[in-house]
């Protein structure tokens, strides 16, 4: 006596002549296929798309930076001559630099009456400030006009990621052209370290910041008004990390199997209930006729 492996078949086949097709079953089958296709495409879109997860932790993410942060600034002063514009940097480590000129450029505006200052420099990771002023000018002007427009103020590497909405250039577009020309402006910045990690594991380091500002008239010890545009900064101990993630393949396959199995099961139950109810109704009608 030979052993028949077919005994283990749990998917026994029913001959076609023992099955009965119905219009209701056909309608449910078509709806079932459309529904499964819709869910499959939705899951496929989610599987292909990249998800960005953010987290917070306390640490210095860029330990290889040597304790420095790169700064990029672009500011227009339409009523101050380029010869008078300068950048000063100072911090709590004792740095005090007046008239920083390295990696900076001055572009005349308004036929030479104004100036656009562009500069790139680095600051230490300690509280401090940098300010645009006339302090480095050979001769101080009588009434310097500090009305300005900030095109850009950014820290660290530039991140061009569509799905990350952060305050990487929070002061970009700040318009003080209608303010008091003799007033000083204080921009108080809280710099937040930011890390972006892509799917390959490569990390890019940047910085977001929040800003508060005030405007006031400041007098020197001689009684003269010497306005300036101050950017006072401090670093947050909290780091924001953005990580790109993609759904694992095994989870995608599991979800698809669940969709197919669940849809067929529910559709089968619905079809069975409708068929049973219709057969019972037919028997009732036959009973009434007899």
C-alpha atoms as a PDB file:
ATOM      1  CA  UNK A   1       0.000   0.000   0.000  1.00  0.00           C
ATOM      2  CA  UNK A   2       1.539   3.303  -1.116  1.00  0.00           C
ATOM      3  CA  UNK A   3       1.382   6.449   0.975  1.00  0.00           C
ATOM      4  CA  UNK A   4      -0.587   9.252  -0.704  1.00  0.00           C
ATOM      5  CA  UNK A   5       0.946  12.660   0.015  1.00  0.00           C
ATOM      6  CA  UNK A   6      -2.284  14.317  -1.122  1.00  0.00           C
ATOM      7  CA  UNK A   7      -3.765  13.519   2.293  1.00  0.00           C
ATOM      8  CA  UNK A   8      -1.928  16.575   3.614  1.00  0.00           C
ATOM      9  CA  UNK A   9      -3.679  18.905   1.154  1.00  0.00           C
ATOM     10  CA  UNK A  10      -5.700  21.361   3.230  1.00  0.00           C
ATOM     11  CA  UNK A  11      -6.821  23.196   0.100  1.00  0.00           C
ATOM     12  CA  UNK A  12      -9.179  20.555  -1.253  1.00  0.00           C
ATOM     13  CA  UNK A  13     -10.621  21.378  -4.673  1.00  0.00           C
ATOM     14  CA  UNK A  14     -14.335  21.378  -5.352  1.00  0.00           C
ATOM     15  CA  UNK A  15     -15.423  20.337  -8.875  1.00  0.00           C
ATOM     16  CA  UNK A  16     -16.875  23.193 -10.904  1.00  0.00           C
ATOM     17  CA  UNK A  17     -20.127  21.339 -11.520  1.00  0.00           C
ATOM     18  CA  UNK A  18     -20.741  21.367  -7.752  1.00  0.00           C
ATOM     19  CA  UNK A  19     -20.455  25.164  -7.493  1.00  0.00           C
ATOM     20  CA  UNK A  20     -23.157  27.681  -8.271  1.00  0.00           C
ATOM     21  CA  UNK A  21     -22.282  31.186  -9.579  1.00  0.00           C
ATOM     22  CA  UNK A  22     -24.577  34.046  -8.600  1.00  0.00           C
ATOM     23  CA  UNK A  23     -24.956  37.683  -9.588  1.00  0.00           C
ATOM     24  CA  UNK A  24     -24.501  38.688  -5.964  1.00  0.00           C
ATOM     25  CA  UNK A  25     -21.282  36.718  -5.716  1.00  0.00           C
ATOM     26  CA  UNK A  26     -19.990  38.294  -8.932  1.00  0.00           C
ATOM     27  CA  UNK A  27     -20.755  41.787  -7.633  1.00  0.00           C
ATOM     28  CA  UNK A  28     -19.070  41.106  -4.282  1.00  0.00           C
ATOM     29  CA  UNK A  29     -16.032  39.600  -6.068  1.00  0.00           C
ATOM     30  CA  UNK A  30     -15.599  42.681  -8.266  1.00  0.00           C
ATOM     31  CA  UNK A  31     -15.917  45.034  -5.274  1.00  0.00           C
ATOM     32  CA  UNK A  32     -13.480  42.819  -3.358  1.00  0.00           C
ATOM     33  CA  UNK A  33     -10.849  43.047  -6.131  1.00  0.00           C
ATOM     34  CA  UNK A  34     -11.220  46.829  -6.428  1.00  0.00           C
ATOM     35  CA  UNK A  35     -10.941  47.239  -2.661  1.00  0.00           C
ATOM     36  CA  UNK A  36      -7.841  45.026  -2.486  1.00  0.00           C
ATOM     37  CA  UNK A  37      -6.205  46.911  -5.352  1.00  0.00           C
ATOM     38  CA  UNK A  38      -6.849  50.227  -3.604  1.00  0.00           C
ATOM     39  CA  UNK A  39      -5.345  48.984  -0.333  1.00  0.00           C
ATOM     40  CA  UNK A  40      -2.399  47.431  -2.165  1.00  0.00           C
ATOM     41  CA  UNK A  41      -1.554  50.692  -3.955  1.00  0.00           C
ATOM     42  CA  UNK A  42      -1.867  52.618  -0.678  1.00  0.00           C
ATOM     43  CA  UNK A  43       0.534  50.251   1.063  1.00  0.00           C
ATOM     44  CA  UNK A  44       2.923  50.290  -1.902  1.00  0.00           C
ATOM     45  CA  UNK A  45       3.026  54.085  -1.826  1.00  0.00           C
ATOM     46  CA  UNK A  46       3.786  54.003   1.881  1.00  0.00           C
ATOM     47  CA  UNK A  47       6.492  51.370   1.352  1.00  0.00           C
ATOM     48  CA  UNK A  48       8.248  53.366  -1.372  1.00  0.00           C
ATOM     49  CA  UNK A  49       7.971  56.707   0.443  1.00  0.00           C
ATOM     50  CA  UNK A  50      10.559  57.752   3.007  1.00  0.00           C
ATOM     51  CA  UNK A  51       9.363  58.532   6.507  1.00  0.00           C
ATOM     52  CA  UNK A  52      11.186  61.142   8.583  1.00  0.00           C
ATOM     53  CA  UNK A  53      11.219  60.507  12.332  1.00  0.00           C
ATOM     54  CA  UNK A  54      12.421  63.163  14.765  1.00  0.00           C
ATOM     55  CA  UNK A  55      13.748  62.757  18.278  1.00  0.00           C
ATOM     56  CA  UNK A  56      15.277  64.910  21.002  1.00  0.00           C
ATOM     57  CA  UNK A  57      18.299  64.174  23.145  1.00  0.00           C
ATOM     58  CA  UNK A  58      20.942  65.983  25.189  1.00  0.00           C
ATOM     59  CA  UNK A  59      24.363  65.884  23.535  1.00  0.00           C
ATOM     60  CA  UNK A  60      26.729  67.745  21.223  1.00  0.00           C
ATOM     61  CA  UNK A  61      26.155  65.938  17.911  1.00  0.00           C
ATOM     62  CA  UNK A  62      29.070  67.453  15.967  1.00  0.00           C
ATOM     63  CA  UNK A  63      32.054  66.671  18.179  1.00  0.00           C
ATOM     64  CA  UNK A  64      34.428  66.866  15.209  1.00  0.00           C
ATOM     65  CA  UNK A  65      33.731  70.547  14.561  1.00  0.00           C
ATOM     66  CA  UNK A  66      36.406  71.701  16.998  1.00  0.00           C
ATOM     67  CA  UNK A  67      33.866  73.604  19.070  1.00  0.00           C
ATOM     68  CA  UNK A  68      33.024  75.895  16.147  1.00  0.00           C
ATOM     69  CA  UNK A  69      29.791  76.810  14.335  1.00  0.00           C
ATOM     70  CA  UNK A  70      29.789  78.205  10.807  1.00  0.00           C
ATOM     71  CA  UNK A  71      27.673  81.317  10.320  1.00  0.00           C
ATOM     72  CA  UNK A  72      26.358  82.829   7.082  1.00  0.00           C
ATOM     73  CA  UNK A  73      24.872  86.338   7.102  1.00  0.00           C
ATOM     74  CA  UNK A  74      23.453  88.550   4.360  1.00  0.00           C
ATOM     75  CA  UNK A  75      22.031  91.922   5.365  1.00  0.00           C
ATOM     76  CA  UNK A  76      21.214  95.146   3.486  1.00  0.00           C
ATOM     77  CA  UNK A  77      21.604  98.607   5.015  1.00  0.00           C
ATOM     78  CA  UNK A  78      20.233 100.980   2.339  1.00  0.00           C
ATOM     79  CA  UNK A  79      21.213 104.165   4.189  1.00  0.00           C
ATOM     80  CA  UNK A  80      24.735 103.375   5.389  1.00  0.00           C
ATOM     81  CA  UNK A  81      27.891 103.643   3.267  1.00  0.00           C
ATOM     82  CA  UNK A  82      29.997 100.488   2.850  1.00  0.00           C
ATOM     83  CA  UNK A  83      33.067 102.228   4.314  1.00  0.00           C
ATOM     84  CA  UNK A  84      31.221 102.522   7.613  1.00  0.00           C
ATOM     85  CA  UNK A  85      29.816  98.967   7.834  1.00  0.00           C
ATOM     86  CA  UNK A  86      31.728  96.424   9.882  1.00  0.00           C
ATOM     87  CA  UNK A  87      31.221  93.125  11.709  1.00  0.00           C
ATOM     88  CA  UNK A  88      32.359  92.672  15.296  1.00  0.00           C
ATOM     89  CA  UNK A  89      32.509  89.303  17.109  1.00  0.00           C
ATOM     90  CA  UNK A  90      32.912  88.603  20.815  1.00  0.00           C
ATOM     91  CA  UNK A  91      32.121  85.748  23.194  1.00  0.00           C
ATOM     92  CA  UNK A  92      32.656  84.423  26.724  1.00  0.00           C
ATOM     93  CA  UNK A  93      35.917  82.683  25.764  1.00  0.00           C
ATOM     94  CA  UNK A  94      37.569  86.087  25.450  1.00  0.00           C
ATOM     95  CA  UNK A  95      37.258  86.544  21.722  1.00  0.00           C
ATOM     96  CA  UNK A  96      36.856  90.189  20.754  1.00  0.00           C
ATOM     97  CA  UNK A  97      37.259  90.935  17.080  1.00  0.00           C
ATOM     98  CA  UNK A  98      36.413  94.350  15.630  1.00  0.00           C
ATOM     99  CA  UNK A  99      35.989  94.775  11.886  1.00  0.00           C
ATOM    100  CA  UNK A 100      36.017  91.139  10.797  1.00  0.00           C
ATOM    101  CA  UNK A 101      36.768  91.088   7.049  1.00  0.00           C
ATOM    102  CA  UNK A 102      37.702  87.472   6.254  1.00  0.00           C
ATOM    103  CA  UNK A 103      35.256  85.771   3.830  1.00  0.00           C
ATOM    104  CA  UNK A 104      33.112  88.906   3.719  1.00  0.00           C
ATOM    105  CA  UNK A 105      31.917  91.138   0.925  1.00  0.00           C
ATOM    106  CA  UNK A 106      30.331  94.591   0.744  1.00  0.00           C
ATOM    107  CA  UNK A 107      28.137  95.487  -2.209  1.00  0.00           C
ATOM    108  CA  UNK A 108      27.182  99.157  -2.686  1.00  0.00           C
ATOM    109  CA  UNK A 109      23.469  99.975  -2.898  1.00  0.00           C
ATOM    110  CA  UNK A 110      21.541 103.121  -3.881  1.00  0.00           C
ATOM    111  CA  UNK A 111      24.398 104.629  -5.886  1.00  0.00           C
ATOM    112  CA  UNK A 112      26.840 104.079  -3.040  1.00  0.00           C
ATOM    113  CA  UNK A 113      24.675 105.477  -0.247  1.00  0.00           C
ATOM    114  CA  UNK A 114      23.776 102.030   1.022  1.00  0.00           C
ATOM    115  CA  UNK A 115      25.463  98.675   1.470  1.00  0.00           C
ATOM    116  CA  UNK A 116      24.720  94.965   1.422  1.00  0.00           C
ATOM    117  CA  UNK A 117      27.003  93.011   3.716  1.00  0.00           C
ATOM    118  CA  UNK A 118      27.612  89.302   3.096  1.00  0.00           C
ATOM    119  CA  UNK A 119      29.885  87.251   5.298  1.00  0.00           C
ATOM    120  CA  UNK A 120      30.783  83.754   6.401  1.00  0.00           C
ATOM    121  CA  UNK A 121      32.630  83.176   9.660  1.00  0.00           C
ATOM    122  CA  UNK A 122      32.728  80.816  12.619  1.00  0.00           C
ATOM    123  CA  UNK A 123      31.778  81.290  16.257  1.00  0.00           C
ATOM    124  CA  UNK A 124      32.668  79.294  19.362  1.00  0.00           C
ATOM    125  CA  UNK A 125      30.079  77.060  20.988  1.00  0.00           C
ATOM    126  CA  UNK A 126      29.726  79.413  23.951  1.00  0.00           C
ATOM    127  CA  UNK A 127      27.374  82.351  24.569  1.00  0.00           C
ATOM    128  CA  UNK A 128      28.410  85.490  22.738  1.00  0.00           C
ATOM    129  CA  UNK A 129      27.370  87.961  20.097  1.00  0.00           C
ATOM    130  CA  UNK A 130      28.256  89.383  16.717  1.00  0.00           C
ATOM    131  CA  UNK A 131      26.989  92.715  15.530  1.00  0.00           C
ATOM    132  CA  UNK A 132      26.919  94.939  12.479  1.00  0.00           C
ATOM    133  CA  UNK A 133      27.985  98.442  13.410  1.00  0.00           C
ATOM    134  CA  UNK A 134      30.208 101.407  12.593  1.00  0.00           C
ATOM    135  CA  UNK A 135      32.636 100.591  15.434  1.00  0.00           C
ATOM    136  CA  UNK A 136      35.426  99.652  13.012  1.00  0.00           C
ATOM    137  CA  UNK A 137      35.085 102.820  10.909  1.00  0.00           C
ATOM    138  CA  UNK A 138      38.010 105.245  10.914  1.00  0.00           C
ATOM    139  CA  UNK A 139      35.711 108.163  11.699  1.00  0.00           C
ATOM    140  CA  UNK A 140      32.320 107.720  13.315  1.00  0.00           C
ATOM    141  CA  UNK A 141      29.428 109.217  11.321  1.00  0.00           C
ATOM    142  CA  UNK A 142      27.248 111.843  12.929  1.00  0.00           C
ATOM    143  CA  UNK A 143      23.917 110.079  12.534  1.00  0.00           C
ATOM    144  CA  UNK A 144      24.367 106.490  11.306  1.00  0.00           C
ATOM    145  CA  UNK A 145      21.169 104.964   9.943  1.00  0.00           C
ATOM    146  CA  UNK A 146      20.752 101.308  10.931  1.00  0.00           C
ATOM    147  CA  UNK A 147      17.529 100.573   9.088  1.00  0.00           C
ATOM    148  CA  UNK A 148      18.051  97.174   7.499  1.00  0.00           C
ATOM    149  CA  UNK A 149      16.672  94.118   5.789  1.00  0.00           C
ATOM    150  CA  UNK A 150      17.975  90.642   6.675  1.00  0.00           C
ATOM    151  CA  UNK A 151      18.133  88.314   3.701  1.00  0.00           C
ATOM    152  CA  UNK A 152      19.760  85.415   5.501  1.00  0.00           C
ATOM    153  CA  UNK A 153      21.147  84.361   8.853  1.00  0.00           C
ATOM    154  CA  UNK A 154      21.951  80.663   9.066  1.00  0.00           C
ATOM    155  CA  UNK A 155      24.174  78.414  11.166  1.00  0.00           C
ATOM    156  CA  UNK A 156      25.936  75.234  10.108  1.00  0.00           C
ATOM    157  CA  UNK A 157      25.438  73.200   6.956  1.00  0.00           C
ATOM    158  CA  UNK A 158      22.499  74.042   4.723  1.00  0.00           C
ATOM    159  CA  UNK A 159      19.825  71.358   4.715  1.00  0.00           C
ATOM    160  CA  UNK A 160      17.689  71.072   1.589  1.00  0.00           C
ATOM    161  CA  UNK A 161      15.066  68.593   2.683  1.00  0.00           C
ATOM    162  CA  UNK A 162      11.449  69.080   1.649  1.00  0.00           C
ATOM    163  CA  UNK A 163       9.831  67.193   4.516  1.00  0.00           C
ATOM    164  CA  UNK A 164      11.713  69.013   7.271  1.00  0.00           C
ATOM    165  CA  UNK A 165      10.097  72.297   8.212  1.00  0.00           C
ATOM    166  CA  UNK A 166      12.520  73.981  10.578  1.00  0.00           C
ATOM    167  CA  UNK A 167      13.646  77.451  11.597  1.00  0.00           C
ATOM    168  CA  UNK A 168      17.017  77.269   9.839  1.00  0.00           C
ATOM    169  CA  UNK A 169      16.707  80.860   8.566  1.00  0.00           C
ATOM    170  CA  UNK A 170      14.259  82.298  11.059  1.00  0.00           C
ATOM    171  CA  UNK A 171      15.410  85.882  10.490  1.00  0.00           C
ATOM    172  CA  UNK A 172      15.315  85.636   6.701  1.00  0.00           C
ATOM    173  CA  UNK A 173      12.993  88.380   5.477  1.00  0.00           C
ATOM    174  CA  UNK A 174      13.154  90.475   8.677  1.00  0.00           C
ATOM    175  CA  UNK A 175      12.305  94.022   7.551  1.00  0.00           C
ATOM    176  CA  UNK A 176      13.377  97.002   9.661  1.00  0.00           C
ATOM    177  CA  UNK A 177      13.446  99.557   6.847  1.00  0.00           C
ATOM    178  CA  UNK A 178      10.679 101.607   8.454  1.00  0.00           C
ATOM    179  CA  UNK A 179      12.176 101.621  11.947  1.00  0.00           C
ATOM    180  CA  UNK A 180      13.993 104.481  13.712  1.00  0.00           C
ATOM    181  CA  UNK A 181      17.331 104.862  11.908  1.00  0.00           C
ATOM    182  CA  UNK A 182      19.164 105.791  15.123  1.00  0.00           C
ATOM    183  CA  UNK A 183      17.834 102.802  17.056  1.00  0.00           C
ATOM    184  CA  UNK A 184      19.858  99.739  17.969  1.00  0.00           C
ATOM    185  CA  UNK A 185      18.359  96.321  17.332  1.00  0.00           C
ATOM    186  CA  UNK A 186      18.861  93.325  19.598  1.00  0.00           C
ATOM    187  CA  UNK A 187      18.159  89.886  18.130  1.00  0.00           C
ATOM    188  CA  UNK A 188      18.334  87.296  20.895  1.00  0.00           C
ATOM    189  CA  UNK A 189      18.939  83.851  19.413  1.00  0.00           C
ATOM    190  CA  UNK A 190      18.586  80.399  20.953  1.00  0.00           C
ATOM    191  CA  UNK A 191      20.553  78.034  18.727  1.00  0.00           C
ATOM    192  CA  UNK A 192      19.364  74.420  18.574  1.00  0.00           C
ATOM    193  CA  UNK A 193      21.780  71.768  17.178  1.00  0.00           C
ATOM    194  CA  UNK A 194      20.139  69.711  14.442  1.00  0.00           C
ATOM    195  CA  UNK A 195      21.194  66.408  12.858  1.00  0.00           C
ATOM    196  CA  UNK A 196      19.788  64.922   9.657  1.00  0.00           C
ATOM    197  CA  UNK A 197      20.532  61.252   8.942  1.00  0.00           C
ATOM    198  CA  UNK A 198      19.594  59.811   5.544  1.00  0.00           C
ATOM    199  CA  UNK A 199      18.852  56.192   4.614  1.00  0.00           C
ATOM    200  CA  UNK A 200      22.537  55.451   3.999  1.00  0.00           C
ATOM    201  CA  UNK A 201      23.418  56.558   7.547  1.00  0.00           C
ATOM    202  CA  UNK A 202      25.198  59.736   6.447  1.00  0.00           C
ATOM    203  CA  UNK A 203      24.736  62.581   8.918  1.00  0.00           C
ATOM    204  CA  UNK A 204      24.595  66.307   8.203  1.00  0.00           C
ATOM    205  CA  UNK A 205      24.859  68.869  10.964  1.00  0.00           C
ATOM    206  CA  UNK A 206      23.002  72.147  11.013  1.00  0.00           C
ATOM    207  CA  UNK A 207      21.406  74.506  13.519  1.00  0.00           C
ATOM    208  CA  UNK A 208      17.946  75.914  13.930  1.00  0.00           C
ATOM    209  CA  UNK A 209      17.222  78.910  16.114  1.00  0.00           C
ATOM    210  CA  UNK A 210      14.458  80.831  17.752  1.00  0.00           C
ATOM    211  CA  UNK A 211      14.575  84.602  17.928  1.00  0.00           C
ATOM    212  CA  UNK A 212      13.271  87.467  20.027  1.00  0.00           C
ATOM    213  CA  UNK A 213      14.080  91.081  19.291  1.00  0.00           C
ATOM    214  CA  UNK A 214      13.888  94.515  20.780  1.00  0.00           C
ATOM    215  CA  UNK A 215      14.596  98.013  19.517  1.00  0.00           C
ATOM    216  CA  UNK A 216      16.052 100.834  21.602  1.00  0.00           C
ATOM    217  CA  UNK A 217      18.195 103.967  21.417  1.00  0.00           C
ATOM    218  CA  UNK A 218      21.633 103.529  23.028  1.00  0.00           C
ATOM    219  CA  UNK A 219      23.970 106.345  24.064  1.00  0.00           C
ATOM    220  CA  UNK A 220      27.753 106.137  24.439  1.00  0.00           C
ATOM    221  CA  UNK A 221      29.638 107.563  27.447  1.00  0.00           C
ATOM    222  CA  UNK A 222      30.075 110.795  25.485  1.00  0.00           C
ATOM    223  CA  UNK A 223      26.340 111.126  24.968  1.00  0.00           C
ATOM    224  CA  UNK A 224      26.432 110.256  21.271  1.00  0.00           C
ATOM    225  CA  UNK A 225      24.026 107.783  19.726  1.00  0.00           C
ATOM    226  CA  UNK A 226      25.936 104.844  18.214  1.00  0.00           C
ATOM    227  CA  UNK A 227      23.383 102.303  16.960  1.00  0.00           C
ATOM    228  CA  UNK A 228      24.206  98.717  16.063  1.00  0.00           C
ATOM    229  CA  UNK A 229      22.495  95.504  14.991  1.00  0.00           C
ATOM    230  CA  UNK A 230      23.228  92.905  17.668  1.00  0.00           C
ATOM    231  CA  UNK A 231      22.852  89.161  17.331  1.00  0.00           C
ATOM    232  CA  UNK A 232      23.216  87.703  20.833  1.00  0.00           C
ATOM    233  CA  UNK A 233      23.264  83.922  20.861  1.00  0.00           C
ATOM    234  CA  UNK A 234      23.266  81.025  23.265  1.00  0.00           C
ATOM    235  CA  UNK A 235      23.222  77.285  22.562  1.00  0.00           C
ATOM    236  CA  UNK A 236      20.486  74.913  23.611  1.00  0.00           C
ATOM    237  CA  UNK A 237      21.618  71.639  25.257  1.00  0.00           C
ATOM    238  CA  UNK A 238      18.827  69.833  23.379  1.00  0.00           C
ATOM    239  CA  UNK A 239      19.625  68.347  19.972  1.00  0.00           C
ATOM    240  CA  UNK A 240      16.960  67.663  17.346  1.00  0.00           C
ATOM    241  CA  UNK A 241      17.613  64.634  15.151  1.00  0.00           C
ATOM    242  CA  UNK A 242      15.761  63.815  11.927  1.00  0.00           C
ATOM    243  CA  UNK A 243      16.151  60.258  10.640  1.00  0.00           C
ATOM    244  CA  UNK A 244      15.011  58.902   7.292  1.00  0.00           C
ATOM    245  CA  UNK A 245      13.315  55.526   7.572  1.00  0.00           C
ATOM    246  CA  UNK A 246      11.638  53.162   5.152  1.00  0.00           C
ATOM    247  CA  UNK A 247       9.162  50.414   5.984  1.00  0.00           C
ATOM    248  CA  UNK A 248      10.859  46.978   6.149  1.00  0.00           C
ATOM    249  CA  UNK A 249      10.061  44.536   3.339  1.00  0.00           C
ATOM    250  CA  UNK A 250       8.781  41.854   5.711  1.00  0.00           C
ATOM    251  CA  UNK A 251       6.235  44.283   7.170  1.00  0.00           C
ATOM    252  CA  UNK A 252       5.047  45.238   3.700  1.00  0.00           C
ATOM    253  CA  UNK A 253       4.593  41.566   2.731  1.00  0.00           C
ATOM    254  CA  UNK A 254       2.785  40.838   6.007  1.00  0.00           C
ATOM    255  CA  UNK A 255       0.415  43.755   5.456  1.00  0.00           C
ATOM    256  CA  UNK A 256      -0.358  42.668   1.886  1.00  0.00           C
ATOM    257  CA  UNK A 257      -1.099  39.106   3.050  1.00  0.00           C
ATOM    258  CA  UNK A 258      -3.374  40.485   5.769  1.00  0.00           C
ATOM    259  CA  UNK A 259      -5.207  42.646   3.234  1.00  0.00           C
ATOM    260  CA  UNK A 260      -5.774  39.769   0.804  1.00  0.00           C
ATOM    261  CA  UNK A 261      -6.721  37.221   3.465  1.00  0.00           C
ATOM    262  CA  UNK A 262      -8.912  39.593   5.428  1.00  0.00           C
ATOM    263  CA  UNK A 263     -10.740  40.895   2.369  1.00  0.00           C
ATOM    264  CA  UNK A 264     -11.457  37.409   1.004  1.00  0.00           C
ATOM    265  CA  UNK A 265     -12.649  36.218   4.417  1.00  0.00           C
ATOM    266  CA  UNK A 266     -15.015  39.134   5.001  1.00  0.00           C
ATOM    267  CA  UNK A 267     -16.280  38.992   1.408  1.00  0.00           C
ATOM    268  CA  UNK A 268     -16.903  35.254   1.763  1.00  0.00           C
ATOM    269  CA  UNK A 269     -18.891  35.786   4.972  1.00  0.00           C
ATOM    270  CA  UNK A 270     -20.990  38.514   3.339  1.00  0.00           C
ATOM    271  CA  UNK A 271     -21.635  36.388   0.236  1.00  0.00           C
ATOM    272  CA  UNK A 272     -22.542  33.372   2.372  1.00  0.00           C
ATOM    273  CA  UNK A 273     -24.995  35.383   4.464  1.00  0.00           C
ATOM    274  CA  UNK A 274     -26.671  36.873   1.386  1.00  0.00           C
ATOM    275  CA  UNK A 275     -26.879  33.482  -0.331  1.00  0.00           C
ATOM    276  CA  UNK A 276     -28.316  31.786   2.781  1.00  0.00           C
ATOM    277  CA  UNK A 277     -30.869  34.552   3.227  1.00  0.00           C
ATOM    278  CA  UNK A 278     -31.948  34.397  -0.433  1.00  0.00           C
ATOM    279  CA  UNK A 279     -32.339  30.613  -0.293  1.00  0.00           C
ATOM    280  CA  UNK A 280     -34.413  30.876   2.894  1.00  0.00           C
ATOM    281  CA  UNK A 281     -36.611  33.513   1.252  1.00  0.00           C
ATOM    282  CA  UNK A 282     -37.143  31.293  -1.786  1.00  0.00           C
ATOM    283  CA  UNK A 283     -38.261  28.409   0.490  1.00  0.00           C
ATOM    284  CA  UNK A 284     -40.694  30.716   2.261  1.00  0.00           C
ATOM    285  CA  UNK A 285     -42.158  31.841  -1.050  1.00  0.00           C
ATOM    286  CA  UNK A 286     -42.471  28.220  -2.244  1.00  0.00           C
ATOM    287  CA  UNK A 287     -44.224  27.325   1.025  1.00  0.00           C
ATOM    288  CA  UNK A 288     -46.765  30.103   0.569  1.00  0.00           C
ATOM    289  CA  UNK A 289     -47.544  29.002  -2.985  1.00  0.00           C
ATOM    290  CA  UNK A 290     -48.145  25.434  -1.882  1.00  0.00           C
END
